[in-house]
Amino acid sequence: MIMSESVSQQVPGLNLNKVFKIIVLGDSGVGKTCLTYRFCEGQFLDKSEATIGVDFRERIVRINNENIRLQLWDTAGQERFRKSMVQHYYRNVHAVVIVYDVTKPETFHSIASWMLEVESHGLMKSPRVLVGNKCDCGTAESRLATTYAQRLADKYGMPLFETSALLDAECGTVESIFMTLAHKLYSKQPLRVISVQGENGPGTVKLARKKPRTTPPNESCLCS
């Protein structure tokens, strides 16, 4: 197993009260590495290469005046690499992010198999989110419809985020993905999604529906 490491915000002598391991799943090329890099480094990874083994980076965040270390584990989507590291990768996991490419339906259809893997490792009760990445690519007509993705997210009881690791304007959405998990892990509350008629309560995530993007095709769709 080859592990590349990029650690941000290292502060000597910093007292960390909690450390959480978050794994990022999804097919190869959906933008897992770019998402974690955007969250940890605050910018797009210009020269991204296919992950071989595990890509590991972390970020320290503040919640209720406590320092929380989020460890993000991004695995290679290729089957030949997954089999060799699966036991190590799923050990002591606190939360799961599942990513698909909104311009490639096959990566969306793979979510079912990723969920089976999550279930086989006893993580169905852990906070999980579904992320549609590369919303900067293609046209509104060529991208997977939000309503279609939302139905699958509802089926598995996960919040749905749609974003682009490439666009600076989407930095806040990427931040929300991981900070939503961080707050739920910190408070030890289950992550739930409720309908519009539902009632707000502890651990509830209520997401605003976004209007379809009309961004023209972008030649910089290089997330991996």
Protein backbone atom coordinates (compact mmCIF):
# COMPACT_ATOMS: atom_id res chain seq x y z
CA MET A 1 0.00 0.00 0.00
CA ILE A 2 1.31 3.41 -0.96
CA MET A 3 0.19 6.33 1.18
CA SER A 4 0.68 9.95 0.27
CA GLU A 5 0.26 12.45 3.08
CA SER A 6 -0.67 16.11 3.11
CA VAL A 7 -1.26 17.54 6.58
CA SER A 8 -2.51 21.08 7.04
CA GLN A 9 -2.64 23.33 10.08
CA GLN A 10 -0.09 21.44 12.13
CA VAL A 11 0.43 23.41 15.35
CA PRO A 12 3.21 22.27 17.75
CA GLY A 13 1.88 21.50 21.20
CA LEU A 14 -1.76 21.82 20.12
CA ASN A 15 -4.13 20.04 22.49
CA LEU A 16 -6.55 17.91 20.49
CA ASN A 17 -9.58 16.62 22.35
CA LYS A 18 -11.04 14.48 19.56
CA VAL A 19 -9.79 12.78 16.40
CA PHE A 20 -12.23 11.50 13.77
CA LYS A 21 -11.49 9.29 10.78
CA ILE A 22 -13.61 9.99 7.70
CA ILE A 23 -13.29 7.77 4.63
CA VAL A 24 -14.13 8.99 1.13
CA LEU A 25 -15.50 6.35 -1.23
CA GLY A 26 -16.39 6.35 -4.91
CA ASP A 27 -15.24 5.15 -8.32
CA SER A 28 -11.91 6.21 -9.73
CA GLY A 29 -11.95 9.70 -11.27
CA VAL A 30 -14.99 11.12 -9.46
CA GLY A 31 -12.91 13.76 -7.66
CA LYS A 32 -12.35 12.29 -4.20
CA THR A 33 -8.78 13.58 -3.91
CA CYS A 34 -9.73 17.04 -5.16
CA LEU A 35 -12.55 17.28 -2.63
CA THR A 36 -10.34 16.42 0.33
CA TYR A 37 -7.61 18.74 -0.95
CA ARG A 38 -10.09 21.60 -1.35
CA PHE A 39 -11.30 21.13 2.23
CA CYS A 40 -7.86 20.78 3.79
CA GLU A 41 -5.89 23.25 1.69
CA GLY A 42 -8.62 25.66 0.57
CA GLN A 43 -7.75 25.42 -3.11
CA PHE A 44 -8.07 23.18 -6.15
CA LEU A 45 -5.46 20.50 -6.77
CA ASP A 46 -4.23 21.53 -10.24
CA LYS A 47 -2.07 18.51 -11.01
CA SER A 48 -4.02 15.59 -9.63
CA GLU A 49 -2.95 12.06 -10.43
CA ALA A 50 -4.86 8.84 -9.89
CA THR A 51 -4.58 7.73 -6.26
CA ILE A 52 -2.49 4.59 -5.81
CA GLY A 53 -3.39 2.99 -2.50
CA VAL A 54 -4.52 5.58 0.05
CA ASP A 55 -4.26 9.36 0.01
CA PHE A 56 -4.31 10.76 3.53
CA ARG A 57 -4.66 14.35 4.70
CA GLU A 58 -6.08 16.05 7.74
CA ARG A 59 -7.35 19.36 9.04
CA ILE A 60 -7.91 20.77 12.51
CA VAL A 61 -11.25 22.53 13.04
CA ARG A 62 -12.79 24.35 16.02
CA ILE A 63 -16.13 23.25 17.45
CA ASN A 64 -17.39 24.79 20.70
CA ASN A 65 -13.89 26.09 21.44
CA GLU A 66 -12.40 22.62 21.08
CA ASN A 67 -9.79 21.55 18.55
CA ILE A 68 -11.00 18.62 16.46
CA ARG A 69 -8.74 16.73 14.07
CA LEU A 70 -10.45 15.38 10.97
CA GLN A 71 -8.49 12.64 9.22
CA LEU A 72 -9.62 12.16 5.61
CA TRP A 73 -8.80 8.86 3.94
CA ASP A 74 -9.23 8.76 0.18
CA THR A 75 -8.86 5.35 -1.38
CA ALA A 76 -8.14 4.38 -4.96
CA GLY A 77 -11.38 3.50 -6.72
CA GLN A 78 -9.78 0.70 -8.74
CA GLU A 79 -10.82 -2.76 -7.62
CA ARG A 80 -7.27 -4.15 -7.67
CA PHE A 81 -6.13 -1.64 -5.04
CA ARG A 82 -9.25 -1.83 -2.87
CA LYS A 83 -8.92 -5.53 -2.19
CA SER A 84 -5.36 -5.23 -0.89
CA MET A 85 -6.10 -2.50 1.65
CA VAL A 86 -9.75 -2.87 2.56
CA GLN A 87 -9.21 -4.16 6.12
CA HIS A 88 -6.82 -1.35 7.01
CA TYR A 89 -8.95 1.29 5.31
CA TYR A 90 -12.18 0.49 7.16
CA ARG A 91 -10.59 0.17 10.60
CA ASN A 92 -11.82 2.64 13.26
CA VAL A 93 -13.95 4.65 10.81
CA HIS A 94 -16.26 7.32 12.25
CA ALA A 95 -17.99 8.69 9.11
CA VAL A 96 -18.34 8.03 5.38
CA VAL A 97 -18.49 10.26 2.28
CA ILE A 98 -19.61 8.64 -0.97
CA VAL A 99 -18.79 10.58 -4.15
CA TYR A 100 -20.05 10.25 -7.72
CA ASP A 101 -19.48 12.26 -10.90
CA VAL A 102 -22.69 14.06 -11.96
CA THR A 103 -21.62 13.74 -15.61
CA LYS A 104 -20.99 9.97 -15.50
CA PRO A 105 -24.11 7.89 -14.68
CA GLU A 106 -22.02 4.74 -14.21
CA THR A 107 -20.36 6.26 -11.13
CA PHE A 108 -23.81 6.99 -9.71
CA HIS A 109 -24.98 3.44 -10.35
CA SER A 110 -21.92 2.18 -8.43
CA ILE A 111 -23.26 3.73 -5.22
CA ALA A 112 -25.28 0.59 -4.48
CA SER A 113 -22.12 -1.54 -4.42
CA TRP A 114 -20.32 1.02 -2.27
CA MET A 115 -23.22 0.93 0.18
CA LEU A 116 -22.98 -2.85 0.35
CA GLU A 117 -19.32 -2.46 1.28
CA VAL A 118 -20.21 0.12 3.92
CA GLU A 119 -22.83 -2.23 5.34
CA SER A 120 -20.46 -5.20 5.36
CA HIS A 121 -18.11 -3.23 7.62
CA GLY A 122 -20.83 -2.23 10.07
CA LEU A 123 -20.95 1.46 9.18
CA MET A 124 -24.63 1.89 8.36
CA LYS A 125 -25.21 3.68 11.67
CA SER A 126 -22.25 6.01 11.17
CA PRO A 127 -22.85 9.49 9.73
CA ARG A 128 -22.82 9.28 5.92
CA VAL A 129 -23.27 11.81 3.13
CA LEU A 130 -23.67 11.51 -0.63
CA VAL A 131 -21.79 13.97 -2.85
CA GLY A 132 -22.33 14.70 -6.53
CA ASN A 133 -19.08 16.25 -7.75
CA LYS A 134 -18.02 18.03 -10.99
CA CYS A 135 -21.10 20.24 -11.28
CA ASP A 136 -18.90 22.61 -13.29
CA CYS A 137 -18.71 20.08 -16.12
CA GLY A 138 -21.09 19.53 -19.00
CA THR A 139 -24.48 21.22 -19.26
CA ALA A 140 -27.53 21.15 -17.03
CA GLU A 141 -29.10 18.66 -19.45
CA SER A 142 -26.10 16.33 -19.46
CA ARG A 143 -25.70 16.20 -15.69
CA LEU A 144 -27.57 13.72 -13.50
CA ALA A 145 -30.82 15.28 -12.27
CA THR A 146 -30.81 16.35 -8.63
CA THR A 147 -34.24 14.77 -8.05
CA TYR A 148 -32.93 11.39 -9.20
CA ALA A 149 -29.93 11.61 -6.86
CA GLN A 150 -32.12 12.83 -4.01
CA ARG A 151 -34.33 9.73 -4.24
CA LEU A 152 -31.30 7.50 -3.79
CA ALA A 153 -29.97 9.63 -0.94
CA ASP A 154 -33.36 9.41 0.78
CA LYS A 155 -33.37 5.64 0.31
CA TYR A 156 -30.13 5.33 2.27
CA GLY A 157 -30.95 8.10 4.75
CA MET A 158 -28.13 10.38 3.65
CA PRO A 159 -27.97 14.12 3.00
CA LEU A 160 -27.14 14.99 -0.62
CA PHE A 161 -24.61 17.66 -1.59
CA GLU A 162 -23.89 18.78 -5.15
CA THR A 163 -20.68 20.71 -5.70
CA SER A 164 -17.49 21.21 -7.67
CA ALA A 165 -14.05 20.85 -6.14
CA LEU A 166 -12.75 23.00 -8.99
CA LEU A 167 -14.78 26.17 -8.48
CA ASP A 168 -13.75 28.63 -5.77
CA ALA A 169 -17.41 29.65 -5.51
CA GLU A 170 -18.23 26.13 -4.29
CA CYS A 171 -15.67 26.19 -1.47
CA GLY A 172 -18.45 26.79 1.05
CA THR A 173 -20.33 23.69 -0.09
CA VAL A 174 -17.23 21.53 0.21
CA GLU A 175 -16.71 22.99 3.68
CA SER A 176 -20.31 22.10 4.60
CA ILE A 177 -19.85 18.47 3.58
CA PHE A 178 -17.10 17.75 6.08
CA MET A 179 -18.19 20.19 8.78
CA THR A 180 -21.67 18.61 8.81
CA LEU A 181 -20.02 15.30 9.64
CA ALA A 182 -17.68 16.92 12.15
CA HIS A 183 -20.53 18.48 14.11
CA LYS A 184 -22.49 15.22 14.19
CA LEU A 185 -19.47 13.25 15.33
CA TYR A 186 -18.65 15.84 17.96
CA SER A 187 -22.18 15.84 19.37
CA LYS A 188 -22.58 12.07 18.88
CA GLN A 189 -25.95 12.64 17.27
CA PRO A 190 -27.27 10.52 14.38
CA LEU A 191 -27.32 12.24 11.01
CA ARG A 192 -30.88 12.31 9.71
CA VAL A 193 -32.67 13.80 6.75
CA ILE A 194 -36.31 14.83 7.12
CA SER A 195 -39.00 15.75 4.65
CA VAL A 196 -40.34 19.26 4.24
CA GLN A 197 -43.29 18.37 6.46
CA GLY A 198 -41.03 16.87 9.13
CA GLU A 199 -40.10 18.53 12.37
CA ASN A 200 -36.70 19.84 13.27
CA GLY A 201 -34.90 18.04 16.04
CA PRO A 202 -31.45 17.04 17.33
CA GLY A 203 -29.21 15.70 14.61
CA THR A 204 -31.44 16.90 11.79
CA VAL A 205 -29.94 18.20 8.57
CA LYS A 206 -32.25 20.27 6.40
CA LEU A 207 -30.82 21.06 2.98
CA ALA A 208 -32.02 23.81 0.67
CA ARG A 209 -32.77 22.74 -2.88
CA LYS A 210 -30.50 24.38 -5.42
CA LYS A 211 -31.65 25.68 -8.77
CA PRO A 212 -30.22 23.73 -11.75
CA ARG A 213 -26.88 25.13 -12.78
CA THR A 214 -26.49 26.64 -16.19
CA THR A 215 -22.71 26.71 -16.16
CA PRO A 216 -21.34 26.09 -19.68
CA PRO A 217 -18.95 23.19 -20.31
CA ASN A 218 -15.60 23.70 -18.64
CA GLU A 219 -12.42 22.39 -20.18
CA SER A 220 -10.79 22.13 -16.76
CA CYS A 221 -12.71 19.07 -15.55
CA LEU A 222 -9.60 17.35 -14.24
CA CYS A 223 -10.73 16.29 -10.75
CA SER A 224 -9.64 12.79 -9.80
